[in-house]
């Protein structure tokens, strides 16, 4: 029996919330769950190339905890599908060219994101 997929809708731009959402996504993908993330709202700001990361990120890394960029890389390596909400980009004046170009980000909105999910996918709003 296959496990249901996991869909994370990350709306909050708090570093700690987004960081832990990436922990959840990479963990679920590591046990072979299909995982999709929609970066929406203020969370889209952290998807820009020049997004400043707080000192907490370095603190985590110094303690042997995966930092933000390492978690994004793990998600990508584990096949997590990454979406960015085009409405949020407009709302927060984010030029799509300023997004982290090394990530396979898919554009669109919630309806397209929802349509890409299996009916059994668990959705979590963060």
PDB file of N, CA and C in Angstrom:
ATOM      1  N   UNK A   1       0.843  -1.178   0.000  1.00  0.00           N
ATOM      2  CA  UNK A   1       0.000   0.000   0.000  1.00  0.00           C
ATOM      3  C   UNK A   1       0.883   1.233   0.000  1.00  0.00           C
ATOM      4  N   UNK A   2       0.612   2.141  -0.896  1.00  0.00           N
ATOM      5  CA  UNK A   2       1.426   3.351  -0.969  1.00  0.00           C
ATOM      6  C   UNK A   2       0.956   4.363   0.079  1.00  0.00           C
ATOM      7  N   UNK A   3       1.863   5.183   0.485  1.00  0.00           N
ATOM      8  CA  UNK A   3       1.556   6.217   1.471  1.00  0.00           C
ATOM      9  C   UNK A   3       0.964   7.417   0.760  1.00  0.00           C
ATOM     10  N   UNK A   4       0.048   8.137   1.427  1.00  0.00           N
ATOM     11  CA  UNK A   4      -0.497   9.334   0.789  1.00  0.00           C
ATOM     12  C   UNK A   4       0.590  10.387   0.635  1.00  0.00           C
ATOM     13  N   UNK A   5       0.446  11.210  -0.385  1.00  0.00           N
ATOM     14  CA  UNK A   5       1.399  12.287  -0.586  1.00  0.00           C
ATOM     15  C   UNK A   5       1.228  13.354   0.482  1.00  0.00           C
ATOM     16  N   UNK A   6       2.160  14.271   0.521  1.00  0.00           N
ATOM     17  CA  UNK A   6       2.137  15.374   1.473  1.00  0.00           C
ATOM     18  C   UNK A   6       2.278  16.673   0.704  1.00  0.00           C
ATOM     19  N   UNK A   7       1.374  17.591   0.952  1.00  0.00           N
ATOM     20  CA  UNK A   7       1.426  18.915   0.324  1.00  0.00           C
ATOM     21  C   UNK A   7       1.515  19.961   1.425  1.00  0.00           C
ATOM     22  N   UNK A   8       2.537  20.784   1.357  1.00  0.00           N
ATOM     23  CA  UNK A   8       2.717  21.863   2.325  1.00  0.00           C
ATOM     24  C   UNK A   8       2.460  23.187   1.637  1.00  0.00           C
ATOM     25  N   UNK A   9       1.550  23.956   2.178  1.00  0.00           N
ATOM     26  CA  UNK A   9       1.295  25.306   1.688  1.00  0.00           C
ATOM     27  C   UNK A   9       1.931  26.221   2.725  1.00  0.00           C
ATOM     28  N   UNK A  10       3.075  26.811   2.363  1.00  0.00           N
ATOM     29  CA  UNK A  10       3.811  27.640   3.311  1.00  0.00           C
ATOM     30  C   UNK A  10       3.487  29.093   3.013  1.00  0.00           C
ATOM     31  N   UNK A  11       2.722  29.700   3.890  1.00  0.00           N
ATOM     32  CA  UNK A  11       2.268  31.074   3.719  1.00  0.00           C
ATOM     33  C   UNK A  11       3.046  32.021   4.627  1.00  0.00           C
ATOM     34  N   UNK A  12       3.357  31.561   5.804  1.00  0.00           N
ATOM     35  CA  UNK A  12       4.052  32.378   6.790  1.00  0.00           C
ATOM     36  C   UNK A  12       5.517  32.554   6.383  1.00  0.00           C
ATOM     37  N   UNK A  13       6.026  33.763   6.497  1.00  0.00           N
ATOM     38  CA  UNK A  13       7.403  34.046   6.096  1.00  0.00           C
ATOM     39  C   UNK A  13       8.418  33.911   7.204  1.00  0.00           C
ATOM     40  N   UNK A  14       7.997  33.441   8.370  1.00  0.00           N
ATOM     41  CA  UNK A  14       8.916  33.258   9.488  1.00  0.00           C
ATOM     42  C   UNK A  14       9.962  32.206   9.124  1.00  0.00           C
ATOM     43  N   UNK A  15      11.225  32.551   9.328  1.00  0.00           N
ATOM     44  CA  UNK A  15      12.308  31.621   9.019  1.00  0.00           C
ATOM     45  C   UNK A  15      12.086  30.282   9.714  1.00  0.00           C
ATOM     46  N   UNK A  16      11.755  30.305  11.003  1.00  0.00           N
ATOM     47  CA  UNK A  16      11.609  29.056  11.751  1.00  0.00           C
ATOM     48  C   UNK A  16      10.506  28.176  11.181  1.00  0.00           C
ATOM     49  N   UNK A  17       9.401  28.781  10.785  1.00  0.00           N
ATOM     50  CA  UNK A  17       8.303  27.994  10.213  1.00  0.00           C
ATOM     51  C   UNK A  17       8.690  27.415   8.855  1.00  0.00           C
ATOM     52  N   UNK A  18       9.307  28.213   8.023  1.00  0.00           N
ATOM     53  CA  UNK A  18       9.702  27.724   6.694  1.00  0.00           C
ATOM     54  C   UNK A  18      10.794  26.671   6.836  1.00  0.00           C
ATOM     55  N   UNK A  19      11.753  26.902   7.725  1.00  0.00           N
ATOM     56  CA  UNK A  19      12.824  25.928   7.957  1.00  0.00           C
ATOM     57  C   UNK A  19      12.235  24.580   8.359  1.00  0.00           C
ATOM     58  N   UNK A  20      11.314  24.600   9.328  1.00  0.00           N
ATOM     59  CA  UNK A  20      10.770  23.321   9.773  1.00  0.00           C
ATOM     60  C   UNK A  20       9.873  22.683   8.721  1.00  0.00           C
ATOM     61  N   UNK A  21       9.211  23.475   7.922  1.00  0.00           N
ATOM     62  CA  UNK A  21       8.432  22.918   6.817  1.00  0.00           C
ATOM     63  C   UNK A  21       9.351  22.171   5.848  1.00  0.00           C
ATOM     64  N   UNK A  22      10.546  22.713   5.627  1.00  0.00           N
ATOM     65  CA  UNK A  22      11.516  22.028   4.766  1.00  0.00           C
ATOM     66  C   UNK A  22      12.021  20.746   5.427  1.00  0.00           C
ATOM     67  N   UNK A  23      12.143  20.746   6.755  1.00  0.00           N
ATOM     68  CA  UNK A  23      12.490  19.524   7.487  1.00  0.00           C
ATOM     69  C   UNK A  23      11.391  18.479   7.266  1.00  0.00           C
ATOM     70  N   UNK A  24      10.138  18.908   7.404  1.00  0.00           N
ATOM     71  CA  UNK A  24       9.008  17.992   7.197  1.00  0.00           C
ATOM     72  C   UNK A  24       9.008  17.440   5.773  1.00  0.00           C
ATOM     73  N   UNK A  25       9.216  18.316   4.798  1.00  0.00           N
ATOM     74  CA  UNK A  25       9.189  17.899   3.396  1.00  0.00           C
ATOM     75  C   UNK A  25      10.307  16.916   3.079  1.00  0.00           C
ATOM     76  N   UNK A  26      11.512  17.237   3.501  1.00  0.00           N
ATOM     77  CA  UNK A  26      12.636  16.343   3.197  1.00  0.00           C
ATOM     78  C   UNK A  26      12.502  15.021   3.938  1.00  0.00           C
ATOM     79  N   UNK A  27      11.981  15.057   5.161  1.00  0.00           N
ATOM     80  CA  UNK A  27      11.765  13.821   5.919  1.00  0.00           C
ATOM     81  C   UNK A  27      10.735  12.927   5.255  1.00  0.00           C
ATOM     82  N   UNK A  28       9.633  13.520   4.834  1.00  0.00           N
ATOM     83  CA  UNK A  28       8.586  12.741   4.168  1.00  0.00           C
ATOM     84  C   UNK A  28       9.090  12.171   2.840  1.00  0.00           C
ATOM     85  N   UNK A  29       9.833  12.982   2.099  1.00  0.00           N
ATOM     86  CA  UNK A  29      10.382  12.496   0.820  1.00  0.00           C
ATOM     87  C   UNK A  29      11.390  11.377   1.049  1.00  0.00           C
ATOM     88  N   UNK A  30      12.139  11.461   2.152  1.00  0.00           N
ATOM     89  CA  UNK A  30      13.148  10.436   2.448  1.00  0.00           C
ATOM     90  C   UNK A  30      12.520   9.071   2.725  1.00  0.00           C
ATOM     91  N   UNK A  31      11.246   9.058   3.143  1.00  0.00           N
ATOM     92  CA  UNK A  31      10.570   7.771   3.345  1.00  0.00           C
ATOM     93  C   UNK A  31       9.600   7.477   2.188  1.00  0.00           C
ATOM     94  N   UNK A  32       9.930   8.045   1.046  1.00  0.00           N
ATOM     95  CA  UNK A  32       9.247   7.756  -0.217  1.00  0.00           C
ATOM     96  C   UNK A  32       7.805   8.249  -0.307  1.00  0.00           C
ATOM     97  N   UNK A  33       7.518   9.366   0.333  1.00  0.00           N
ATOM     98  CA  UNK A  33       6.209   9.995   0.116  1.00  0.00           C
ATOM     99  C   UNK A  33       6.382  11.037  -0.973  1.00  0.00           C
ATOM    100  N   UNK A  34       5.377  11.181  -1.823  1.00  0.00           N
ATOM    101  CA  UNK A  34       5.377  12.251  -2.811  1.00  0.00           C
ATOM    102  C   UNK A  34       5.096  13.550  -2.062  1.00  0.00           C
ATOM    103  N   UNK A  35       5.973  14.536  -2.255  1.00  0.00           N
ATOM    104  CA  UNK A  35       5.845  15.787  -1.513  1.00  0.00           C
ATOM    105  C   UNK A  35       5.841  16.963  -2.487  1.00  0.00           C
ATOM    106  N   UNK A  36       4.922  17.883  -2.242  1.00  0.00           N
ATOM    107  CA  UNK A  36       4.857  19.131  -3.000  1.00  0.00           C
ATOM    108  C   UNK A  36       4.775  20.278  -2.009  1.00  0.00           C
ATOM    109  N   UNK A  37       5.432  21.371  -2.345  1.00  0.00           N
ATOM    110  CA  UNK A  37       5.392  22.574  -1.519  1.00  0.00           C
ATOM    111  C   UNK A  37       4.918  23.727  -2.388  1.00  0.00           C
ATOM    112  N   UNK A  38       3.992  24.521  -1.837  1.00  0.00           N
ATOM    113  CA  UNK A  38       3.596  25.780  -2.457  1.00  0.00           C
ATOM    114  C   UNK A  38       4.077  26.900  -1.543  1.00  0.00           C
ATOM    115  N   UNK A  39       5.037  27.685  -2.036  1.00  0.00           N
ATOM    116  CA  UNK A  39       5.474  28.872  -1.312  1.00  0.00           C
ATOM    117  C   UNK A  39       4.508  29.982  -1.680  1.00  0.00           C
ATOM    118  N   UNK A  40       3.794  30.486  -0.688  1.00  0.00           N
ATOM    119  CA  UNK A  40       2.788  31.521  -0.901  1.00  0.00           C
ATOM    120  C   UNK A  40       3.016  32.636   0.119  1.00  0.00           C
ATOM    121  N   UNK A  41       2.231  33.688   0.004  1.00  0.00           N
ATOM    122  CA  UNK A  41       2.326  34.784   0.970  1.00  0.00           C
ATOM    123  C   UNK A  41       3.753  35.249   1.184  1.00  0.00           C
ATOM    124  N   UNK A  42       4.061  35.580   2.424  1.00  0.00           N
ATOM    125  CA  UNK A  42       5.386  36.107   2.765  1.00  0.00           C
ATOM    126  C   UNK A  42       6.507  35.080   2.609  1.00  0.00           C
ATOM    127  N   UNK A  43       6.152  33.792   2.561  1.00  0.00           N
ATOM    128  CA  UNK A  43       7.179  32.753   2.388  1.00  0.00           C
ATOM    129  C   UNK A  43       7.899  32.886   1.052  1.00  0.00           C
ATOM    130  N   UNK A  44       7.249  33.520   0.063  1.00  0.00           N
ATOM    131  CA  UNK A  44       7.892  33.683  -1.243  1.00  0.00           C
ATOM    132  C   UNK A  44       9.156  34.538  -1.139  1.00  0.00           C
ATOM    133  N   UNK A  45       9.202  35.423  -0.153  1.00  0.00           N
ATOM    134  CA  UNK A  45      10.387  36.280   0.016  1.00  0.00           C
ATOM    135  C   UNK A  45      11.649  35.459   0.266  1.00  0.00           C
ATOM    136  N   UNK A  46      11.503  34.326   0.956  1.00  0.00           N
ATOM    137  CA  UNK A  46      12.662  33.486   1.235  1.00  0.00           C
ATOM    138  C   UNK A  46      13.135  32.699   0.011  1.00  0.00           C
ATOM    139  N   UNK A  47      12.364  32.736  -1.062  1.00  0.00           N
ATOM    140  CA  UNK A  47      12.756  32.047  -2.281  1.00  0.00           C
ATOM    141  C   UNK A  47      13.566  32.937  -3.216  1.00  0.00           C
ATOM    142  N   UNK A  48      13.821  34.177  -2.799  1.00  0.00           N
ATOM    143  CA  UNK A  48      14.640  35.058  -3.634  1.00  0.00           C
ATOM    144  C   UNK A  48      16.119  34.795  -3.363  1.00  0.00           C
ATOM    145  N   UNK A  49      16.927  35.067  -4.388  1.00  0.00           N
ATOM    146  CA  UNK A  49      18.356  34.798  -4.293  1.00  0.00           C
ATOM    147  C   UNK A  49      19.046  35.608  -3.205  1.00  0.00           C
ATOM    148  N   UNK A  50      18.553  36.801  -2.961  1.00  0.00           N
ATOM    149  CA  UNK A  50      19.215  37.678  -1.990  1.00  0.00           C
ATOM    150  C   UNK A  50      18.474  37.753  -0.655  1.00  0.00           C
ATOM    151  N   UNK A  51      17.610  36.772  -0.374  1.00  0.00           N
ATOM    152  CA  UNK A  51      16.878  36.778   0.893  1.00  0.00           C
ATOM    153  C   UNK A  51      17.866  36.653   2.053  1.00  0.00           C
ATOM    154  N   UNK A  52      17.834  37.602   2.962  1.00  0.00           N
ATOM    155  CA  UNK A  52      18.742  37.494   4.105  1.00  0.00           C
ATOM    156  C   UNK A  52      18.265  36.402   5.059  1.00  0.00           C
ATOM    157  N   UNK A  53      19.162  35.547   5.456  1.00  0.00           N
ATOM    158  CA  UNK A  53      18.828  34.505   6.419  1.00  0.00           C
ATOM    159  C   UNK A  53      19.262  34.982   7.802  1.00  0.00           C
ATOM    160  N   UNK A  54      18.486  34.675   8.820  1.00  0.00           N
ATOM    161  CA  UNK A  54      18.831  35.143  10.160  1.00  0.00           C
ATOM    162  C   UNK A  54      20.043  34.408  10.726  1.00  0.00           C
ATOM    163  N   UNK A  55      20.583  34.932  11.784  1.00  0.00           N
ATOM    164  CA  UNK A  55      21.724  34.313  12.468  1.00  0.00           C
ATOM    165  C   UNK A  55      21.380  32.892  12.911  1.00  0.00           C
ATOM    166  N   UNK A  56      20.098  32.632  13.102  1.00  0.00           N
ATOM    167  CA  UNK A  56      19.650  31.289  13.489  1.00  0.00           C
ATOM    168  C   UNK A  56      20.133  30.238  12.496  1.00  0.00           C
ATOM    169  N   UNK A  57      20.174  30.577  11.218  1.00  0.00           N
ATOM    170  CA  UNK A  57      20.603  29.627  10.202  1.00  0.00           C
ATOM    171  C   UNK A  57      22.046  29.189  10.450  1.00  0.00           C
ATOM    172  N   UNK A  58      22.914  30.138  10.722  1.00  0.00           N
ATOM    173  CA  UNK A  58      24.316  29.805  11.018  1.00  0.00           C
ATOM    174  C   UNK A  58      24.407  29.034  12.327  1.00  0.00           C
ATOM    175  N   UNK A  59      23.626  29.435  13.305  1.00  0.00           N
ATOM    176  CA  UNK A  59      23.609  28.745  14.596  1.00  0.00           C
ATOM    177  C   UNK A  59      23.233  27.278  14.408  1.00  0.00           C
ATOM    178  N   UNK A  60      22.201  27.024  13.619  1.00  0.00           N
ATOM    179  CA  UNK A  60      21.797  25.644  13.343  1.00  0.00           C
ATOM    180  C   UNK A  60      22.945  24.872  12.691  1.00  0.00           C
ATOM    181  N   UNK A  61      23.552  25.471  11.697  1.00  0.00           N
ATOM    182  CA  UNK A  61      24.644  24.793  10.988  1.00  0.00           C
ATOM    183  C   UNK A  61      25.805  24.493  11.930  1.00  0.00           C
ATOM    184  N   UNK A  62      26.122  25.439  12.807  1.00  0.00           N
ATOM    185  CA  UNK A  62      27.205  25.234  13.780  1.00  0.00           C
ATOM    186  C   UNK A  62      26.899  24.065  14.723  1.00  0.00           C
ATOM    187  N   UNK A  63      25.617  23.780  14.931  1.00  0.00           N
ATOM    188  CA  UNK A  63      25.191  22.680  15.808  1.00  0.00           C
ATOM    189  C   UNK A  63      25.002  21.373  15.030  1.00  0.00           C
ATOM    190  N   UNK A  64      25.290  21.397  13.719  1.00  0.00           N
ATOM    191  CA  UNK A  64      25.139  20.200  12.909  1.00  0.00           C
ATOM    192  C   UNK A  64      23.729  19.992  12.378  1.00  0.00           C
ATOM    193  N   UNK A  65      22.896  21.035  12.480  1.00  0.00           N
ATOM    194  CA  UNK A  65      21.526  20.987  11.972  1.00  0.00           C
ATOM    195  C   UNK A  65      21.539  21.571  10.554  1.00  0.00           C
ATOM    196  N   UNK A  66      20.820  20.947   9.664  1.00  0.00           N
ATOM    197  CA  UNK A  66      20.785  21.430   8.283  1.00  0.00           C
ATOM    198  C   UNK A  66      20.271  22.864   8.237  1.00  0.00           C
ATOM    199  N   UNK A  67      20.984  23.689   7.482  1.00  0.00           N
ATOM    200  CA  UNK A  67      20.567  25.066   7.273  1.00  0.00           C
ATOM    201  C   UNK A  67      19.552  25.150   6.148  1.00  0.00           C
ATOM    202  N   UNK A  68      19.079  26.342   5.916  1.00  0.00           N
ATOM    203  CA  UNK A  68      18.035  26.596   4.935  1.00  0.00           C
ATOM    204  C   UNK A  68      18.422  26.102   3.548  1.00  0.00           C
ATOM    205  N   UNK A  69      19.587  26.503   3.066  1.00  0.00           N
ATOM    206  CA  UNK A  69      20.006  26.110   1.713  1.00  0.00           C
ATOM    207  C   UNK A  69      20.234  24.608   1.604  1.00  0.00           C
ATOM    208  N   UNK A  70      20.756  24.002   2.655  1.00  0.00           N
ATOM    209  CA  UNK A  70      20.966  22.555   2.653  1.00  0.00           C
ATOM    210  C   UNK A  70      19.627  21.816   2.581  1.00  0.00           C
ATOM    211  N   UNK A  71      18.629  22.329   3.304  1.00  0.00           N
ATOM    212  CA  UNK A  71      17.310  21.701   3.257  1.00  0.00           C
ATOM    213  C   UNK A  71      16.658  21.864   1.891  1.00  0.00           C
ATOM    214  N   UNK A  72      16.808  23.039   1.289  1.00  0.00           N
ATOM    215  CA  UNK A  72      16.276  23.226  -0.068  1.00  0.00           C
ATOM    216  C   UNK A  72      16.940  22.253  -1.037  1.00  0.00           C
ATOM    217  N   UNK A  73      18.254  22.090  -0.913  1.00  0.00           N
ATOM    218  CA  UNK A  73      18.975  21.151  -1.789  1.00  0.00           C
ATOM    219  C   UNK A  73      18.502  19.720  -1.552  1.00  0.00           C
ATOM    220  N   UNK A  74      18.302  19.354  -0.280  1.00  0.00           N
ATOM    221  CA  UNK A  74      17.829  18.005   0.038  1.00  0.00           C
ATOM    222  C   UNK A  74      16.452  17.776  -0.556  1.00  0.00           C
ATOM    223  N   UNK A  75      15.581  18.762  -0.431  1.00  0.00           N
ATOM    224  CA  UNK A  75      14.241  18.638  -1.018  1.00  0.00           C
ATOM    225  C   UNK A  75      14.329  18.420  -2.520  1.00  0.00           C
ATOM    226  N   UNK A  76      15.165  19.198  -3.171  1.00  0.00           N
ATOM    227  CA  UNK A  76      15.336  19.056  -4.621  1.00  0.00           C
ATOM    228  C   UNK A  76      15.892  17.672  -4.963  1.00  0.00           C
ATOM    229  N   UNK A  77      16.921  17.250  -4.243  1.00  0.00           N
ATOM    230  CA  UNK A  77      17.536  15.942  -4.494  1.00  0.00           C
ATOM    231  C   UNK A  77      16.562  14.788  -4.265  1.00  0.00           C
ATOM    232  N   UNK A  78      15.652  14.967  -3.307  1.00  0.00           N
ATOM    233  CA  UNK A  78      14.696  13.916  -2.973  1.00  0.00           C
ATOM    234  C   UNK A  78      13.425  13.963  -3.820  1.00  0.00           C
ATOM    235  N   UNK A  79      13.380  14.895  -4.767  1.00  0.00           N
ATOM    236  CA  UNK A  79      12.263  14.946  -5.702  1.00  0.00           C
ATOM    237  C   UNK A  79      11.041  15.715  -5.228  1.00  0.00           C
ATOM    238  N   UNK A  80      11.195  16.548  -4.217  1.00  0.00           N
ATOM    239  CA  UNK A  80      10.072  17.374  -3.773  1.00  0.00           C
ATOM    240  C   UNK A  80       9.751  18.380  -4.883  1.00  0.00           C
ATOM    241  N   UNK A  81       8.481  18.508  -5.201  1.00  0.00           N
ATOM    242  CA  UNK A  81       8.054  19.468  -6.214  1.00  0.00           C
ATOM    243  C   UNK A  81       7.854  20.822  -5.539  1.00  0.00           C
ATOM    244  N   UNK A  82       8.489  21.846  -6.078  1.00  0.00           N
ATOM    245  CA  UNK A  82       8.447  23.187  -5.501  1.00  0.00           C
ATOM    246  C   UNK A  82       7.650  24.126  -6.399  1.00  0.00           C
ATOM    247  N   UNK A  83       6.635  24.752  -5.824  1.00  0.00           N
ATOM    248  CA  UNK A  83       5.800  25.716  -6.535  1.00  0.00           C
ATOM    249  C   UNK A  83       5.940  27.070  -5.849  1.00  0.00           C
ATOM    250  N   UNK A  84       5.813  28.121  -6.608  1.00  0.00           N
ATOM    251  CA  UNK A  84       5.777  29.459  -6.028  1.00  0.00           C
ATOM    252  C   UNK A  84       4.530  30.159  -6.557  1.00  0.00           C
ATOM    253  N   UNK A  85       3.793  30.767  -5.654  1.00  0.00           N
ATOM    254  CA  UNK A  85       2.527  31.404  -5.994  1.00  0.00           C
ATOM    255  C   UNK A  85       2.763  32.718  -6.737  1.00  0.00           C
ATOM    256  N   UNK A  86       2.254  32.798  -7.948  1.00  0.00           N
ATOM    257  CA  UNK A  86       2.440  34.011  -8.753  1.00  0.00           C
ATOM    258  C   UNK A  86       1.704  35.207  -8.155  1.00  0.00           C
ATOM    259  N   UNK A  87       0.585  34.981  -7.503  1.00  0.00           N
ATOM    260  CA  UNK A  87      -0.133  36.077  -6.847  1.00  0.00           C
ATOM    261  C   UNK A  87       0.713  36.661  -5.723  1.00  0.00           C
ATOM    262  N   UNK A  88       1.372  35.800  -4.960  1.00  0.00           N
ATOM    263  CA  UNK A  88       2.236  36.274  -3.874  1.00  0.00           C
ATOM    264  C   UNK A  88       3.422  37.070  -4.424  1.00  0.00           C
ATOM    265  N   UNK A  89       3.944  36.650  -5.559  1.00  0.00           N
ATOM    266  CA  UNK A  89       5.050  37.401  -6.166  1.00  0.00           C
ATOM    267  C   UNK A  89       4.604  38.825  -6.477  1.00  0.00           C
ATOM    268  N   UNK A  90       3.408  38.959  -7.039  1.00  0.00           N
ATOM    269  CA  UNK A  90       2.871  40.286  -7.363  1.00  0.00           C
ATOM    270  C   UNK A  90       2.606  41.067  -6.072  1.00  0.00           C
ATOM    271  N   UNK A  91       1.964  40.432  -5.109  1.00  0.00           N
ATOM    272  CA  UNK A  91       1.599  41.105  -3.860  1.00  0.00           C
ATOM    273  C   UNK A  91       2.816  41.627  -3.100  1.00  0.00           C
ATOM    274  N   UNK A  92       3.937  40.910  -3.207  1.00  0.00           N
ATOM    275  CA  UNK A  92       5.150  41.293  -2.475  1.00  0.00           C
ATOM    276  C   UNK A  92       6.202  41.938  -3.373  1.00  0.00           C
ATOM    277  N   UNK A  93       5.777  42.351  -4.568  1.00  0.00           N
ATOM    278  CA  UNK A  93       6.680  43.031  -5.510  1.00  0.00           C
ATOM    279  C   UNK A  93       7.971  42.253  -5.763  1.00  0.00           C
ATOM    280  N   UNK A  94       7.835  40.956  -5.978  1.00  0.00           N
ATOM    281  CA  UNK A  94       9.000  40.107  -6.234  1.00  0.00           C
ATOM    282  C   UNK A  94       9.080  39.828  -7.733  1.00  0.00           C
ATOM    283  N   UNK A  95      10.193  40.203  -8.320  1.00  0.00           N
ATOM    284  CA  UNK A  95      10.447  39.914  -9.727  1.00  0.00           C
ATOM    285  C   UNK A  95      10.785  38.427  -9.847  1.00  0.00           C
ATOM    286  N   UNK A  96      10.083  37.662 -10.676  1.00  0.00           N
ATOM    287  CA  UNK A  96      10.397  36.241 -10.825  1.00  0.00           C
ATOM    288  C   UNK A  96      11.873  35.976 -11.161  1.00  0.00           C
ATOM    289  N   UNK A  97      12.524  36.923 -11.817  1.00  0.00           N
ATOM    290  CA  UNK A  97      13.950  36.758 -12.141  1.00  0.00           C
ATOM    291  C   UNK A  97      14.825  36.782 -10.891  1.00  0.00           C
ATOM    292  N   UNK A  98      14.285  37.275  -9.770  1.00  0.00           N
ATOM    293  CA  UNK A  98      15.072  37.334  -8.535  1.00  0.00           C
ATOM    294  C   UNK A  98      14.957  36.059  -7.705  1.00  0.00           C
ATOM    295  N   UNK A  99      14.157  35.098  -8.173  1.00  0.00           N
ATOM    296  CA  UNK A  99      14.012  33.835  -7.447  1.00  0.00           C
ATOM    297  C   UNK A  99      15.282  33.003  -7.560  1.00  0.00           C
ATOM    298  N   UNK A 100      15.447  32.078  -6.660  1.00  0.00           N
ATOM    299  CA  UNK A 100      16.618  31.186  -6.660  1.00  0.00           C
ATOM    300  C   UNK A 100      16.583  30.350  -7.936  1.00  0.00           C
ATOM    301  N   UNK A 101      17.356  30.764  -8.927  1.00  0.00           N
ATOM    302  CA  UNK A 101      17.303  30.167 -10.255  1.00  0.00           C
ATOM    303  C   UNK A 101      17.783  28.718 -10.287  1.00  0.00           C
ATOM    304  N   UNK A 102      18.530  28.309  -9.282  1.00  0.00           N
ATOM    305  CA  UNK A 102      19.033  26.935  -9.254  1.00  0.00           C
ATOM    306  C   UNK A 102      17.952  25.941  -8.804  1.00  0.00           C
ATOM    307  N   UNK A 103      16.817  26.463  -8.321  1.00  0.00           N
ATOM    308  CA  UNK A 103      15.733  25.586  -7.891  1.00  0.00           C
ATOM    309  C   UNK A 103      14.743  25.370  -9.032  1.00  0.00           C
ATOM    310  N   UNK A 104      14.206  24.167  -9.145  1.00  0.00           N
ATOM    311  CA  UNK A 104      13.192  23.900 -10.180  1.00  0.00           C
ATOM    312  C   UNK A 104      11.812  24.369  -9.711  1.00  0.00           C
ATOM    313  N   UNK A 105      11.641  25.683  -9.612  1.00  0.00           N
ATOM    314  CA  UNK A 105      10.380  26.254  -9.128  1.00  0.00           C
ATOM    315  C   UNK A 105       9.342  26.297 -10.242  1.00  0.00           C
ATOM    316  N   UNK A 106       8.141  25.850  -9.910  1.00  0.00           N
ATOM    317  CA  UNK A 106       7.025  25.923 -10.846  1.00  0.00           C
ATOM    318  C   UNK A 106       6.153  27.098 -10.442  1.00  0.00           C
ATOM    319  N   UNK A 107       5.708  27.859 -11.410  1.00  0.00           N
ATOM    320  CA  UNK A 107       4.825  28.985 -11.137  1.00  0.00           C
ATOM    321  C   UNK A 107       3.375  28.547 -11.118  1.00  0.00           C
ATOM    322  N   UNK A 108       2.517  29.478 -10.804  1.00  0.00           N
ATOM    323  CA  UNK A 108       1.091  29.207 -10.789  1.00  0.00           C
ATOM    324  C   UNK A 108       0.473  29.652  -9.484  1.00  0.00           C
ATOM    325  N   UNK A 109      -0.683  29.141  -9.200  1.00  0.00           N
ATOM    326  CA  UNK A 109      -1.392  29.490  -7.985  1.00  0.00           C
ATOM    327  C   UNK A 109      -1.916  28.248  -7.305  1.00  0.00           C
ATOM    328  N   UNK A 110      -2.792  28.453  -6.337  1.00  0.00           N
ATOM    329  CA  UNK A 110      -3.294  27.326  -5.560  1.00  0.00           C
ATOM    330  C   UNK A 110      -4.097  26.344  -6.409  1.00  0.00           C
ATOM    331  N   UNK A 111      -4.889  26.835  -7.329  1.00  0.00           N
ATOM    332  CA  UNK A 111      -5.718  25.929  -8.130  1.00  0.00           C
ATOM    333  C   UNK A 111      -4.837  24.970  -8.932  1.00  0.00           C
ATOM    334  N   UNK A 112      -3.799  25.491  -9.579  1.00  0.00           N
ATOM    335  CA  UNK A 112      -2.880  24.634 -10.319  1.00  0.00           C
ATOM    336  C   UNK A 112      -2.142  23.670  -9.401  1.00  0.00           C
ATOM    337  N   UNK A 113      -1.754  24.173  -8.232  1.00  0.00           N
ATOM    338  CA  UNK A 113      -1.091  23.340  -7.230  1.00  0.00           C
ATOM    339  C   UNK A 113      -2.016  22.199  -6.811  1.00  0.00           C
ATOM    340  N   UNK A 114      -3.254  22.539  -6.482  1.00  0.00           N
ATOM    341  CA  UNK A 114      -4.229  21.548  -6.056  1.00  0.00           C
ATOM    342  C   UNK A 114      -4.477  20.516  -7.155  1.00  0.00           C
ATOM    343  N   UNK A 115      -4.567  20.975  -8.383  1.00  0.00           N
ATOM    344  CA  UNK A 115      -4.810  20.073  -9.507  1.00  0.00           C
ATOM    345  C   UNK A 115      -3.656  19.087  -9.711  1.00  0.00           C
ATOM    346  N   UNK A 116      -2.467  19.452  -9.252  1.00  0.00           N
ATOM    347  CA  UNK A 116      -1.304  18.577  -9.420  1.00  0.00           C
ATOM    348  C   UNK A 116      -1.227  17.482  -8.359  1.00  0.00           C
ATOM    349  N   UNK A 117      -2.107  17.541  -7.362  1.00  0.00           N
ATOM    350  CA  UNK A 117      -2.055  16.600  -6.241  1.00  0.00           C
ATOM    351  C   UNK A 117      -3.004  15.432  -6.448  1.00  0.00           C
ATOM    352  N   UNK A 118      -2.646  14.316  -5.876  1.00  0.00           N
ATOM    353  CA  UNK A 118      -3.498  13.133  -5.845  1.00  0.00           C
ATOM    354  C   UNK A 118      -4.622  13.387  -4.823  1.00  0.00           C
ATOM    355  N   UNK A 119      -5.760  12.741  -5.009  1.00  0.00           N
ATOM    356  CA  UNK A 119      -6.889  12.921  -4.105  1.00  0.00           C
ATOM    357  C   UNK A 119      -6.607  12.504  -2.670  1.00  0.00           C
ATOM    358  N   UNK A 120      -5.609  11.670  -2.462  1.00  0.00           N
ATOM    359  CA  UNK A 120      -5.296  11.201  -1.102  1.00  0.00           C
ATOM    360  C   UNK A 120      -4.210  12.031  -0.428  1.00  0.00           C
ATOM    361  N   UNK A 121      -3.705  13.040  -1.113  1.00  0.00           N
ATOM    362  CA  UNK A 121      -2.617  13.862  -0.570  1.00  0.00           C
ATOM    363  C   UNK A 121      -3.073  14.641   0.655  1.00  0.00           C
ATOM    364  N   UNK A 122      -2.285  14.565   1.707  1.00  0.00           N
ATOM    365  CA  UNK A 122      -2.539  15.326   2.924  1.00  0.00           C
ATOM    366  C   UNK A 122      -2.018  16.749   2.711  1.00  0.00           C
ATOM    367  N   UNK A 123      -2.839  17.747   3.029  1.00  0.00           N
ATOM    368  CA  UNK A 123      -2.423  19.129   2.904  1.00  0.00           C
ATOM    369  C   UNK A 123      -2.248  19.749   4.281  1.00  0.00           C
ATOM    370  N   UNK A 124      -1.151  20.467   4.449  1.00  0.00           N
ATOM    371  CA  UNK A 124      -0.876  21.174   5.686  1.00  0.00           C
ATOM    372  C   UNK A 124      -0.587  22.619   5.343  1.00  0.00           C
ATOM    373  N   UNK A 125      -1.263  23.531   6.031  1.00  0.00           N
ATOM    374  CA  UNK A 125      -1.089  24.968   5.837  1.00  0.00           C
ATOM    375  C   UNK A 125      -0.198  25.506   6.942  1.00  0.00           C
ATOM    376  N   UNK A 126       0.889  26.145   6.534  1.00  0.00           N
ATOM    377  CA  UNK A 126       1.864  26.675   7.508  1.00  0.00           C
ATOM    378  C   UNK A 126       1.942  28.172   7.358  1.00  0.00           C
TER     379      UNK A 126
END
